[in-house]
Amino acid sequence: MPVLDAIHWGPASKAAPRQLVILCHGLGADAYDLIDIAPTWGHTLPDALFASVNAPDEHPAGFGRQWWDVGDRRPALMELGARNAAKHLDAFIDAELARLDLPPYAYALMGFSQGAMTVLFTGLRRKTAPKAILAFSGALIAPESLEADIANRAPVLLAHGEADGQVPVSRSRDAEAVLKRLDVPVETAYSPGLGHGIDDHGIAMAALTLQKAFA
């Protein structure tokens, strides 16, 4: 399985990286979609390298990438897709940490939309927990299997627009309930009037989460 490719930003300090923050884009986008967030969070984590990853598959529309195909959204197929995506993301995380000579715990995961689904699915099933999982406008895929699969209880931030017409905010509220039941630390940033996107409130909350996680 080839290792995913990514574009990088940082560290802002110009020093050798001490942390790794991996950004996972949404359906039909690519690595360039999220990298502009890195300089903002770089003020919080000046020694972090930000890696924005290209998802493994081409989107059928002919542009952008996808973590798995969503033409058929039956739960079993969504879980199968998420498990396959997790294999790719796991390999990338391990390869990047090794390349940077960082310890296995010196990373955090962030994703938007399908990328948020991917980091939630992957991050909580990794033997070595990420410092934080930041999930914007996402959902918890296969919540019924998480209790058996969960390997860590990394802190999670769920950020979602209450006017999201693509991935309803109820998906994050449902994820919040499941994670709390499993004793996963959860914070939320629900934004009234925000559609399927990321706003300044979510970005600021994520900066605080990263700051606490790596303190």
N, C-alpha and C. Protein backbone atom coordinates (compact mmCIF):
# COMPACT_ATOMS: atom_id res chain seq x y z
N MET A 1 0.84 -1.19 0.00
CA MET A 1 0.00 0.00 0.00
C MET A 1 0.89 1.25 0.00
N PRO A 2 0.78 2.09 -1.03
CA PRO A 2 1.62 3.29 -1.06
C PRO A 2 1.25 4.26 0.05
N VAL A 3 2.25 4.96 0.58
CA VAL A 3 2.00 5.95 1.62
C VAL A 3 1.41 7.20 0.98
N LEU A 4 0.41 7.79 1.62
CA LEU A 4 -0.23 8.99 1.12
C LEU A 4 0.77 10.13 1.00
N ASP A 5 0.49 11.05 0.08
CA ASP A 5 1.33 12.24 -0.05
C ASP A 5 0.64 13.42 0.63
N ALA A 6 1.43 14.45 0.94
CA ALA A 6 0.91 15.59 1.69
C ALA A 6 1.69 16.84 1.32
N ILE A 7 1.09 17.99 1.64
CA ILE A 7 1.82 19.25 1.60
C ILE A 7 2.02 19.71 3.03
N HIS A 8 3.08 20.45 3.28
CA HIS A 8 3.50 20.76 4.65
C HIS A 8 3.62 22.27 4.86
N TRP A 9 3.45 22.67 6.11
CA TRP A 9 3.70 24.05 6.54
C TRP A 9 4.32 24.00 7.93
N GLY A 10 5.32 24.87 8.13
CA GLY A 10 5.92 25.01 9.45
C GLY A 10 7.20 24.21 9.58
N PRO A 11 7.69 24.18 10.83
CA PRO A 11 7.20 24.89 12.01
C PRO A 11 7.40 26.41 11.91
N ALA A 12 6.53 27.16 12.54
CA ALA A 12 6.62 28.62 12.53
C ALA A 12 7.91 29.09 13.18
N SER A 13 8.42 28.32 14.14
CA SER A 13 9.64 28.70 14.86
C SER A 13 10.90 28.50 14.02
N LYS A 14 10.75 27.79 12.89
CA LYS A 14 11.89 27.42 12.03
C LYS A 14 12.81 26.39 12.69
N ALA A 15 12.42 25.90 13.85
CA ALA A 15 13.20 24.86 14.53
C ALA A 15 12.78 23.49 14.00
N ALA A 16 13.47 22.47 14.45
CA ALA A 16 13.07 21.11 14.10
C ALA A 16 11.69 20.82 14.70
N PRO A 17 10.83 20.12 13.98
CA PRO A 17 9.48 19.85 14.49
C PRO A 17 9.50 19.07 15.80
N ARG A 18 8.63 19.50 16.72
CA ARG A 18 8.45 18.77 17.98
C ARG A 18 7.07 18.14 18.06
N GLN A 19 6.17 18.57 17.18
CA GLN A 19 4.82 18.00 17.11
C GLN A 19 4.43 17.88 15.63
N LEU A 20 3.47 17.02 15.37
CA LEU A 20 2.92 16.81 14.03
C LEU A 20 1.40 16.95 14.11
N VAL A 21 0.85 17.81 13.27
CA VAL A 21 -0.61 17.95 13.17
C VAL A 21 -1.01 17.58 11.75
N ILE A 22 -1.84 16.56 11.63
CA ILE A 22 -2.24 16.04 10.33
C ILE A 22 -3.64 16.51 10.01
N LEU A 23 -3.80 17.08 8.81
CA LEU A 23 -5.07 17.66 8.37
C LEU A 23 -5.64 16.80 7.25
N CYS A 24 -6.92 16.44 7.35
CA CYS A 24 -7.57 15.55 6.39
C CYS A 24 -8.78 16.24 5.77
N HIS A 25 -8.71 16.46 4.48
CA HIS A 25 -9.73 17.23 3.76
C HIS A 25 -11.03 16.44 3.57
N GLY A 26 -12.03 17.13 3.05
CA GLY A 26 -13.33 16.52 2.82
C GLY A 26 -13.48 15.94 1.42
N LEU A 27 -14.65 15.42 1.16
CA LEU A 27 -14.97 14.76 -0.10
C LEU A 27 -14.85 15.73 -1.28
N GLY A 28 -14.08 15.33 -2.28
CA GLY A 28 -13.95 16.13 -3.49
C GLY A 28 -12.96 17.27 -3.40
N ALA A 29 -12.28 17.41 -2.27
CA ALA A 29 -11.25 18.44 -2.11
C ALA A 29 -9.87 17.79 -2.24
N ASP A 30 -8.84 18.51 -1.81
CA ASP A 30 -7.50 17.93 -1.80
C ASP A 30 -6.69 18.59 -0.69
N ALA A 31 -5.40 18.28 -0.63
CA ALA A 31 -4.56 18.75 0.47
C ALA A 31 -4.52 20.26 0.59
N TYR A 32 -4.69 20.98 -0.52
CA TYR A 32 -4.61 22.44 -0.47
C TYR A 32 -5.81 23.06 0.23
N ASP A 33 -6.86 22.29 0.45
CA ASP A 33 -8.10 22.83 1.01
C ASP A 33 -7.94 23.30 2.45
N LEU A 34 -7.06 22.67 3.22
CA LEU A 34 -6.96 22.96 4.65
C LEU A 34 -5.64 23.59 5.08
N ILE A 35 -4.65 23.60 4.22
CA ILE A 35 -3.32 24.03 4.66
C ILE A 35 -3.30 25.49 5.10
N ASP A 36 -4.25 26.31 4.62
CA ASP A 36 -4.27 27.72 5.02
C ASP A 36 -4.60 27.91 6.50
N ILE A 37 -5.13 26.87 7.16
CA ILE A 37 -5.39 26.96 8.60
C ILE A 37 -4.09 26.88 9.40
N ALA A 38 -3.08 26.24 8.82
CA ALA A 38 -1.85 25.96 9.56
C ALA A 38 -1.19 27.20 10.15
N PRO A 39 -1.04 28.32 9.41
CA PRO A 39 -0.38 29.48 10.02
C PRO A 39 -1.10 30.01 11.26
N THR A 40 -2.44 29.92 11.27
CA THR A 40 -3.19 30.36 12.46
C THR A 40 -2.86 29.49 13.66
N TRP A 41 -2.92 28.19 13.48
CA TRP A 41 -2.59 27.28 14.57
C TRP A 41 -1.11 27.26 14.87
N GLY A 42 -0.30 27.68 13.91
CA GLY A 42 1.14 27.77 14.14
C GLY A 42 1.51 28.78 15.20
N HIS A 43 0.64 29.78 15.43
CA HIS A 43 0.89 30.72 16.54
C HIS A 43 0.76 30.00 17.88
N THR A 44 -0.15 29.03 17.94
CA THR A 44 -0.37 28.26 19.16
C THR A 44 0.71 27.19 19.35
N LEU A 45 1.09 26.55 18.24
CA LEU A 45 2.09 25.48 18.27
C LEU A 45 3.24 25.84 17.34
N PRO A 46 4.11 26.75 17.76
CA PRO A 46 5.17 27.22 16.87
C PRO A 46 6.17 26.15 16.45
N ASP A 47 6.25 25.05 17.20
CA ASP A 47 7.19 23.98 16.86
C ASP A 47 6.52 22.81 16.15
N ALA A 48 5.30 23.01 15.67
CA ALA A 48 4.57 21.93 15.01
C ALA A 48 4.75 21.99 13.50
N LEU A 49 4.85 20.82 12.90
CA LEU A 49 4.77 20.68 11.45
C LEU A 49 3.34 20.28 11.12
N PHE A 50 2.74 20.98 10.18
CA PHE A 50 1.39 20.67 9.73
C PHE A 50 1.47 19.94 8.39
N ALA A 51 0.83 18.80 8.33
CA ALA A 51 0.84 17.98 7.11
C ALA A 51 -0.60 17.82 6.63
N SER A 52 -0.92 18.41 5.48
CA SER A 52 -2.25 18.27 4.91
C SER A 52 -2.20 17.17 3.85
N VAL A 53 -3.01 16.14 4.06
CA VAL A 53 -2.87 14.89 3.32
C VAL A 53 -3.84 14.84 2.15
N ASN A 54 -3.40 14.26 1.05
CA ASN A 54 -4.30 13.92 -0.05
C ASN A 54 -4.91 12.55 0.22
N ALA A 55 -6.24 12.48 0.19
CA ALA A 55 -6.93 11.20 0.38
C ALA A 55 -6.51 10.20 -0.70
N PRO A 56 -6.67 8.90 -0.46
CA PRO A 56 -6.08 7.90 -1.34
C PRO A 56 -6.72 7.77 -2.72
N ASP A 57 -7.99 8.13 -2.86
CA ASP A 57 -8.70 7.83 -4.11
C ASP A 57 -9.11 9.09 -4.86
N GLU A 58 -9.16 8.98 -6.19
CA GLU A 58 -9.70 10.06 -7.00
C GLU A 58 -11.21 10.14 -6.81
N HIS A 59 -11.74 11.37 -6.81
CA HIS A 59 -13.18 11.54 -6.74
C HIS A 59 -13.78 11.26 -8.12
N PRO A 60 -14.91 10.55 -8.20
CA PRO A 60 -15.47 10.19 -9.50
C PRO A 60 -15.88 11.38 -10.36
N ALA A 61 -16.03 12.56 -9.76
CA ALA A 61 -16.38 13.74 -10.55
C ALA A 61 -15.24 14.18 -11.46
N GLY A 62 -14.05 13.62 -11.22
CA GLY A 62 -12.91 13.97 -12.09
C GLY A 62 -11.99 15.02 -11.51
N PHE A 63 -12.31 15.50 -10.32
CA PHE A 63 -11.42 16.45 -9.64
C PHE A 63 -11.49 16.17 -8.15
N GLY A 64 -10.42 16.50 -7.45
CA GLY A 64 -10.40 16.28 -6.01
C GLY A 64 -10.21 14.82 -5.66
N ARG A 65 -10.23 14.55 -4.35
CA ARG A 65 -9.95 13.22 -3.83
C ARG A 65 -11.06 12.78 -2.88
N GLN A 66 -11.06 11.52 -2.51
CA GLN A 66 -12.01 11.02 -1.52
C GLN A 66 -11.34 9.94 -0.68
N TRP A 67 -11.79 9.84 0.59
CA TRP A 67 -11.25 8.81 1.49
C TRP A 67 -11.85 7.46 1.19
N TRP A 68 -13.10 7.46 0.75
CA TRP A 68 -13.74 6.24 0.22
C TRP A 68 -14.95 6.69 -0.58
N ASP A 69 -15.46 5.78 -1.40
CA ASP A 69 -16.59 6.09 -2.27
C ASP A 69 -17.88 6.13 -1.45
N VAL A 70 -18.70 7.14 -1.70
CA VAL A 70 -19.95 7.29 -0.95
C VAL A 70 -21.16 7.18 -1.87
N GLY A 71 -20.97 6.56 -3.04
CA GLY A 71 -22.10 6.36 -3.94
C GLY A 71 -23.20 5.52 -3.32
N ASP A 72 -22.81 4.59 -2.47
CA ASP A 72 -23.76 3.77 -1.71
C ASP A 72 -23.47 3.99 -0.23
N ARG A 73 -24.39 4.63 0.47
CA ARG A 73 -24.13 5.03 1.86
C ARG A 73 -24.74 4.09 2.89
N ARG A 74 -24.98 2.87 2.51
CA ARG A 74 -25.45 1.91 3.51
C ARG A 74 -24.39 1.78 4.60
N PRO A 75 -24.82 1.67 5.86
CA PRO A 75 -23.87 1.68 6.99
C PRO A 75 -22.73 0.67 6.86
N ALA A 76 -23.01 -0.53 6.40
CA ALA A 76 -21.95 -1.54 6.29
C ALA A 76 -20.88 -1.13 5.30
N LEU A 77 -21.29 -0.49 4.20
CA LEU A 77 -20.33 -0.06 3.20
C LEU A 77 -19.56 1.17 3.68
N MET A 78 -20.23 2.05 4.41
CA MET A 78 -19.54 3.20 4.98
C MET A 78 -18.47 2.74 5.97
N GLU A 79 -18.80 1.74 6.79
CA GLU A 79 -17.81 1.22 7.73
C GLU A 79 -16.64 0.58 6.99
N LEU A 80 -16.93 -0.18 5.95
CA LEU A 80 -15.86 -0.80 5.17
C LEU A 80 -14.96 0.26 4.56
N GLY A 81 -15.55 1.33 4.04
CA GLY A 81 -14.76 2.41 3.48
C GLY A 81 -13.90 3.10 4.52
N ALA A 82 -14.48 3.34 5.70
CA ALA A 82 -13.73 3.99 6.77
C ALA A 82 -12.58 3.12 7.25
N ARG A 83 -12.80 1.82 7.32
CA ARG A 83 -11.71 0.93 7.75
C ARG A 83 -10.57 0.92 6.74
N ASN A 84 -10.90 0.96 5.46
CA ASN A 84 -9.86 1.01 4.44
C ASN A 84 -9.11 2.34 4.50
N ALA A 85 -9.85 3.44 4.67
CA ALA A 85 -9.22 4.75 4.81
C ALA A 85 -8.30 4.80 6.02
N ALA A 86 -8.73 4.16 7.11
CA ALA A 86 -7.92 4.15 8.34
C ALA A 86 -6.57 3.46 8.10
N LYS A 87 -6.55 2.43 7.30
CA LYS A 87 -5.28 1.76 6.99
C LYS A 87 -4.31 2.73 6.32
N HIS A 88 -4.83 3.51 5.37
CA HIS A 88 -3.99 4.49 4.68
C HIS A 88 -3.51 5.57 5.64
N LEU A 89 -4.42 6.08 6.46
CA LEU A 89 -4.03 7.16 7.38
C LEU A 89 -3.07 6.65 8.45
N ASP A 90 -3.31 5.45 8.96
CA ASP A 90 -2.39 4.85 9.94
C ASP A 90 -0.97 4.79 9.37
N ALA A 91 -0.85 4.31 8.15
CA ALA A 91 0.47 4.18 7.52
C ALA A 91 1.13 5.54 7.37
N PHE A 92 0.34 6.55 7.01
CA PHE A 92 0.91 7.90 6.85
C PHE A 92 1.39 8.44 8.18
N ILE A 93 0.57 8.31 9.23
CA ILE A 93 0.96 8.81 10.55
C ILE A 93 2.28 8.18 10.99
N ASP A 94 2.36 6.87 10.89
CA ASP A 94 3.57 6.16 11.33
C ASP A 94 4.78 6.58 10.51
N ALA A 95 4.60 6.72 9.19
CA ALA A 95 5.72 7.10 8.33
C ALA A 95 6.19 8.52 8.62
N GLU A 96 5.27 9.44 8.84
CA GLU A 96 5.65 10.84 9.12
C GLU A 96 6.37 10.96 10.46
N LEU A 97 5.85 10.30 11.49
CA LEU A 97 6.51 10.35 12.79
C LEU A 97 7.92 9.77 12.71
N ALA A 98 8.07 8.68 11.98
CA ALA A 98 9.40 8.07 11.82
C ALA A 98 10.32 9.00 11.03
N ARG A 99 9.79 9.60 9.96
CA ARG A 99 10.60 10.49 9.13
C ARG A 99 11.10 11.69 9.93
N LEU A 100 10.27 12.19 10.84
CA LEU A 100 10.61 13.36 11.63
C LEU A 100 11.33 13.01 12.93
N ASP A 101 11.52 11.73 13.18
CA ASP A 101 12.16 11.24 14.40
C ASP A 101 11.43 11.75 15.64
N LEU A 102 10.10 11.66 15.59
CA LEU A 102 9.26 12.08 16.71
C LEU A 102 8.73 10.85 17.44
N PRO A 103 8.46 10.98 18.74
CA PRO A 103 7.88 9.85 19.48
C PRO A 103 6.48 9.55 18.97
N PRO A 104 5.98 8.33 19.19
CA PRO A 104 4.71 7.91 18.59
C PRO A 104 3.48 8.64 19.09
N TYR A 105 3.63 9.42 20.17
CA TYR A 105 2.48 10.15 20.72
C TYR A 105 2.47 11.63 20.34
N ALA A 106 3.44 12.10 19.58
CA ALA A 106 3.61 13.53 19.33
C ALA A 106 2.82 14.02 18.12
N TYR A 107 1.53 13.66 18.07
CA TYR A 107 0.74 14.04 16.90
C TYR A 107 -0.71 14.31 17.31
N ALA A 108 -1.37 15.08 16.45
CA ALA A 108 -2.81 15.33 16.58
C ALA A 108 -3.43 15.18 15.20
N LEU A 109 -4.73 14.93 15.18
CA LEU A 109 -5.45 14.72 13.92
C LEU A 109 -6.58 15.73 13.80
N MET A 110 -6.73 16.27 12.59
CA MET A 110 -7.84 17.17 12.30
C MET A 110 -8.44 16.77 10.97
N GLY A 111 -9.77 16.85 10.87
CA GLY A 111 -10.42 16.56 9.60
C GLY A 111 -11.67 17.38 9.42
N PHE A 112 -12.03 17.57 8.15
CA PHE A 112 -13.27 18.28 7.79
C PHE A 112 -14.15 17.34 6.98
N SER A 113 -15.43 17.25 7.34
CA SER A 113 -16.42 16.47 6.62
C SER A 113 -16.01 15.00 6.52
N GLN A 114 -15.77 14.46 5.33
CA GLN A 114 -15.34 13.07 5.26
C GLN A 114 -13.99 12.88 5.94
N GLY A 115 -13.16 13.90 5.92
CA GLY A 115 -11.89 13.83 6.65
C GLY A 115 -12.10 13.76 8.15
N ALA A 116 -13.15 14.45 8.64
CA ALA A 116 -13.49 14.36 10.07
C ALA A 116 -13.96 12.96 10.43
N MET A 117 -14.76 12.37 9.55
CA MET A 117 -15.19 10.98 9.77
C MET A 117 -13.98 10.05 9.83
N THR A 118 -13.01 10.33 8.97
CA THR A 118 -11.81 9.49 8.89
C THR A 118 -10.96 9.61 10.15
N VAL A 119 -10.75 10.83 10.64
CA VAL A 119 -9.88 10.98 11.82
C VAL A 119 -10.56 10.47 13.08
N LEU A 120 -11.89 10.60 13.18
CA LEU A 120 -12.59 10.04 14.33
C LEU A 120 -12.50 8.52 14.32
N PHE A 121 -12.72 7.93 13.15
CA PHE A 121 -12.67 6.47 13.05
C PHE A 121 -11.26 5.96 13.34
N THR A 122 -10.27 6.60 12.74
CA THR A 122 -8.89 6.14 12.85
C THR A 122 -8.30 6.43 14.22
N GLY A 123 -8.44 7.67 14.67
CA GLY A 123 -7.72 8.13 15.86
C GLY A 123 -8.06 7.35 17.11
N LEU A 124 -9.33 7.02 17.30
CA LEU A 124 -9.75 6.33 18.52
C LEU A 124 -9.42 4.84 18.50
N ARG A 125 -8.98 4.36 17.34
CA ARG A 125 -8.63 2.94 17.21
C ARG A 125 -7.12 2.71 17.17
N ARG A 126 -6.34 3.77 17.32
CA ARG A 126 -4.89 3.62 17.30
C ARG A 126 -4.36 3.25 18.69
N LYS A 127 -3.37 2.37 18.70
CA LYS A 127 -2.79 1.92 19.97
C LYS A 127 -2.18 3.09 20.73
N THR A 128 -1.46 3.94 20.02
CA THR A 128 -0.90 5.15 20.63
C THR A 128 -1.81 6.32 20.31
N ALA A 129 -2.42 6.88 21.34
CA ALA A 129 -3.44 7.91 21.15
C ALA A 129 -2.85 9.18 20.56
N PRO A 130 -3.60 9.84 19.68
CA PRO A 130 -3.23 11.21 19.31
C PRO A 130 -3.43 12.13 20.50
N LYS A 131 -2.73 13.25 20.48
CA LYS A 131 -2.92 14.23 21.56
C LYS A 131 -4.32 14.83 21.52
N ALA A 132 -4.89 14.93 20.32
CA ALA A 132 -6.24 15.45 20.17
C ALA A 132 -6.78 15.03 18.81
N ILE A 133 -8.11 14.97 18.72
CA ILE A 133 -8.81 14.73 17.46
C ILE A 133 -9.78 15.88 17.26
N LEU A 134 -9.60 16.62 16.17
CA LEU A 134 -10.43 17.78 15.86
C LEU A 134 -11.30 17.41 14.66
N ALA A 135 -12.61 17.31 14.87
CA ALA A 135 -13.52 16.86 13.82
C ALA A 135 -14.52 17.96 13.48
N PHE A 136 -14.38 18.52 12.28
CA PHE A 136 -15.23 19.61 11.81
C PHE A 136 -16.26 19.08 10.82
N SER A 137 -17.54 19.33 11.11
CA SER A 137 -18.63 18.99 10.18
C SER A 137 -18.61 17.52 9.78
N GLY A 138 -18.39 16.65 10.75
CA GLY A 138 -18.25 15.23 10.45
C GLY A 138 -19.32 14.37 11.09
N ALA A 139 -18.97 13.11 11.28
CA ALA A 139 -19.88 12.12 11.86
C ALA A 139 -19.06 10.96 12.38
N LEU A 140 -19.66 10.20 13.26
CA LEU A 140 -19.02 9.01 13.79
C LEU A 140 -19.50 7.80 13.00
N ILE A 141 -18.62 7.28 12.15
CA ILE A 141 -18.96 6.11 11.34
C ILE A 141 -18.90 4.86 12.21
N ALA A 142 -19.89 3.98 12.05
CA ALA A 142 -19.96 2.70 12.77
C ALA A 142 -19.87 2.88 14.29
N PRO A 143 -20.72 3.71 14.87
CA PRO A 143 -20.65 3.92 16.32
C PRO A 143 -20.86 2.63 17.11
N GLU A 144 -21.63 1.71 16.52
CA GLU A 144 -21.93 0.46 17.23
C GLU A 144 -20.69 -0.43 17.39
N SER A 145 -19.67 -0.23 16.56
CA SER A 145 -18.45 -1.04 16.67
C SER A 145 -17.37 -0.39 17.51
N LEU A 146 -17.58 0.88 17.87
CA LEU A 146 -16.50 1.60 18.55
C LEU A 146 -16.21 1.04 19.94
N GLU A 147 -17.24 0.62 20.66
CA GLU A 147 -17.02 0.11 22.02
C GLU A 147 -16.06 -1.08 22.01
N ALA A 148 -16.19 -1.94 21.01
CA ALA A 148 -15.29 -3.10 20.90
C ALA A 148 -13.92 -2.72 20.35
N ASP A 149 -13.89 -1.69 19.49
CA ASP A 149 -12.65 -1.33 18.79
C ASP A 149 -11.79 -0.32 19.53
N ILE A 150 -12.39 0.46 20.41
CA ILE A 150 -11.69 1.63 20.95
C ILE A 150 -10.38 1.23 21.63
N ALA A 151 -9.31 1.95 21.26
CA ALA A 151 -7.99 1.62 21.79
C ALA A 151 -7.42 2.74 22.66
N ASN A 152 -8.06 3.90 22.66
CA ASN A 152 -7.60 5.02 23.48
C ASN A 152 -8.76 5.98 23.69
N ARG A 153 -8.55 6.93 24.56
CA ARG A 153 -9.57 7.95 24.81
C ARG A 153 -8.94 9.34 24.67
N ALA A 154 -8.48 9.60 23.47
CA ALA A 154 -7.92 10.91 23.13
C ALA A 154 -9.01 11.97 23.24
N PRO A 155 -8.66 13.18 23.67
CA PRO A 155 -9.66 14.25 23.71
C PRO A 155 -10.14 14.62 22.31
N VAL A 156 -11.44 14.84 22.18
CA VAL A 156 -12.07 15.12 20.90
C VAL A 156 -12.74 16.48 20.95
N LEU A 157 -12.57 17.26 19.88
CA LEU A 157 -13.35 18.47 19.66
C LEU A 157 -14.26 18.22 18.46
N LEU A 158 -15.55 18.40 18.66
CA LEU A 158 -16.53 18.32 17.58
C LEU A 158 -17.00 19.73 17.26
N ALA A 159 -16.74 20.19 16.04
CA ALA A 159 -17.16 21.52 15.60
C ALA A 159 -18.11 21.35 14.42
N HIS A 160 -19.24 22.06 14.46
CA HIS A 160 -20.24 21.83 13.41
C HIS A 160 -21.14 23.06 13.28
N GLY A 161 -21.48 23.39 12.05
CA GLY A 161 -22.45 24.45 11.81
C GLY A 161 -23.87 23.94 11.98
N GLU A 162 -24.69 24.68 12.70
CA GLU A 162 -26.06 24.24 12.95
C GLU A 162 -26.94 24.38 11.72
N ALA A 163 -26.46 25.08 10.67
CA ALA A 163 -27.20 25.20 9.42
C ALA A 163 -26.58 24.35 8.32
N ASP A 164 -25.81 23.34 8.69
CA ASP A 164 -25.14 22.47 7.72
C ASP A 164 -26.19 21.64 6.97
N GLY A 165 -26.26 21.83 5.65
CA GLY A 165 -27.21 21.10 4.84
C GLY A 165 -26.64 19.85 4.20
N GLN A 166 -25.34 19.61 4.37
CA GLN A 166 -24.71 18.43 3.76
C GLN A 166 -24.51 17.32 4.78
N VAL A 167 -23.92 17.65 5.91
CA VAL A 167 -23.79 16.71 7.02
C VAL A 167 -24.50 17.37 8.20
N PRO A 168 -25.71 16.93 8.52
CA PRO A 168 -26.48 17.63 9.55
C PRO A 168 -25.76 17.67 10.89
N VAL A 169 -25.96 18.74 11.63
CA VAL A 169 -25.32 18.89 12.94
C VAL A 169 -25.72 17.75 13.88
N SER A 170 -26.84 17.12 13.62
CA SER A 170 -27.26 15.99 14.45
C SER A 170 -26.24 14.86 14.43
N ARG A 171 -25.44 14.76 13.35
CA ARG A 171 -24.44 13.71 13.29
C ARG A 171 -23.35 13.93 14.34
N SER A 172 -22.98 15.20 14.57
CA SER A 172 -21.99 15.48 15.62
C SER A 172 -22.62 15.36 17.01
N ARG A 173 -23.88 15.74 17.14
CA ARG A 173 -24.55 15.57 18.43
C ARG A 173 -24.66 14.09 18.79
N ASP A 174 -24.96 13.26 17.80
CA ASP A 174 -25.00 11.82 18.04
C ASP A 174 -23.62 11.30 18.43
N ALA A 175 -22.59 11.78 17.73
CA ALA A 175 -21.21 11.37 18.06
C ALA A 175 -20.85 11.78 19.48
N GLU A 176 -21.25 12.99 19.86
CA GLU A 176 -20.98 13.49 21.22
C GLU A 176 -21.56 12.55 22.26
N ALA A 177 -22.79 12.10 22.04
CA ALA A 177 -23.45 11.22 23.00
C ALA A 177 -22.73 9.87 23.11
N VAL A 178 -22.34 9.31 21.98
CA VAL A 178 -21.64 8.02 21.99
C VAL A 178 -20.29 8.16 22.68
N LEU A 179 -19.54 9.19 22.34
CA LEU A 179 -18.21 9.36 22.93
C LEU A 179 -18.29 9.58 24.44
N LYS A 180 -19.24 10.37 24.88
CA LYS A 180 -19.39 10.58 26.32
C LYS A 180 -19.75 9.28 27.03
N ARG A 181 -20.58 8.47 26.39
CA ARG A 181 -20.95 7.19 27.00
C ARG A 181 -19.73 6.28 27.14
N LEU A 182 -18.77 6.44 26.23
CA LEU A 182 -17.55 5.63 26.27
C LEU A 182 -16.41 6.32 27.03
N ASP A 183 -16.75 7.38 27.75
CA ASP A 183 -15.78 8.11 28.59
C ASP A 183 -14.65 8.75 27.80
N VAL A 184 -14.96 9.16 26.57
CA VAL A 184 -14.00 9.93 25.77
C VAL A 184 -14.22 11.41 26.09
N PRO A 185 -13.17 12.15 26.46
CA PRO A 185 -13.34 13.59 26.73
C PRO A 185 -13.76 14.33 25.45
N VAL A 186 -14.86 15.05 25.52
CA VAL A 186 -15.41 15.71 24.35
C VAL A 186 -15.70 17.17 24.66
N GLU A 187 -15.28 18.04 23.75
CA GLU A 187 -15.71 19.43 23.75
C GLU A 187 -16.42 19.69 22.44
N THR A 188 -17.30 20.68 22.43
CA THR A 188 -18.06 20.97 21.21
C THR A 188 -18.03 22.46 20.88
N ALA A 189 -18.16 22.72 19.60
CA ALA A 189 -18.28 24.10 19.10
C ALA A 189 -19.36 24.10 18.03
N TYR A 190 -20.61 24.27 18.45
CA TYR A 190 -21.72 24.32 17.52
C TYR A 190 -22.01 25.78 17.18
N SER A 191 -22.03 26.08 15.88
CA SER A 191 -22.13 27.47 15.43
C SER A 191 -23.47 27.75 14.76
N PRO A 192 -24.33 28.55 15.39
CA PRO A 192 -25.61 28.91 14.77
C PRO A 192 -25.40 29.65 13.45
N GLY A 193 -26.17 29.28 12.43
CA GLY A 193 -26.09 29.97 11.15
C GLY A 193 -24.99 29.49 10.22
N LEU A 194 -24.06 28.69 10.71
CA LEU A 194 -22.97 28.21 9.87
C LEU A 194 -23.41 27.00 9.08
N GLY A 195 -23.12 26.99 7.79
CA GLY A 195 -23.41 25.85 6.94
C GLY A 195 -22.28 24.83 6.99
N HIS A 196 -22.01 24.21 5.85
CA HIS A 196 -20.98 23.16 5.78
C HIS A 196 -19.62 23.82 5.60
N GLY A 197 -19.04 24.22 6.70
CA GLY A 197 -17.77 24.95 6.62
C GLY A 197 -17.13 25.08 7.99
N ILE A 198 -16.09 25.88 8.03
CA ILE A 198 -15.32 26.13 9.25
C ILE A 198 -15.32 27.62 9.52
N ASP A 199 -15.65 28.01 10.74
CA ASP A 199 -15.66 29.43 11.07
C ASP A 199 -14.59 29.76 12.11
N ASP A 200 -14.48 31.06 12.42
CA ASP A 200 -13.44 31.52 13.34
C ASP A 200 -13.62 30.93 14.74
N HIS A 201 -14.87 30.71 15.14
CA HIS A 201 -15.13 30.12 16.46
C HIS A 201 -14.54 28.72 16.54
N GLY A 202 -14.78 27.91 15.53
CA GLY A 202 -14.24 26.56 15.51
C GLY A 202 -12.72 26.54 15.46
N ILE A 203 -12.15 27.44 14.67
CA ILE A 203 -10.70 27.52 14.58
C ILE A 203 -10.09 27.91 15.91
N ALA A 204 -10.71 28.88 16.59
CA ALA A 204 -10.20 29.31 17.90
C ALA A 204 -10.33 28.21 18.94
N MET A 205 -11.46 27.51 18.94
CA MET A 205 -11.64 26.40 19.89
C MET A 205 -10.60 25.30 19.64
N ALA A 206 -10.33 25.03 18.36
CA ALA A 206 -9.34 24.01 18.03
C ALA A 206 -7.94 24.44 18.48
N ALA A 207 -7.63 25.72 18.36
CA ALA A 207 -6.33 26.21 18.81
C ALA A 207 -6.17 25.97 20.32
N LEU A 208 -7.24 26.24 21.07
CA LEU A 208 -7.18 26.00 22.52
C LEU A 208 -7.02 24.51 22.82
N THR A 209 -7.74 23.69 22.07
CA THR A 209 -7.64 22.24 22.27
C THR A 209 -6.22 21.76 22.01
N LEU A 210 -5.61 22.24 20.93
CA LEU A 210 -4.23 21.86 20.61
C LEU A 210 -3.27 22.35 21.68
N GLN A 211 -3.49 23.58 22.15
CA GLN A 211 -2.60 24.13 23.17
C GLN A 211 -2.65 23.30 24.44
N LYS A 212 -3.85 22.92 24.88
CA LYS A 212 -3.97 22.09 26.08
C LYS A 212 -3.41 20.69 25.85
N ALA A 213 -3.64 20.15 24.65
CA ALA A 213 -3.22 18.79 24.37
C ALA A 213 -1.71 18.62 24.40
N PHE A 214 -1.00 19.62 23.89
CA PHE A 214 0.44 19.53 23.79
C PHE A 214 1.17 20.22 24.95
N ALA A 215 0.43 20.76 25.90
CA ALA A 215 1.05 21.46 27.02
C ALA A 215 1.92 20.50 27.84
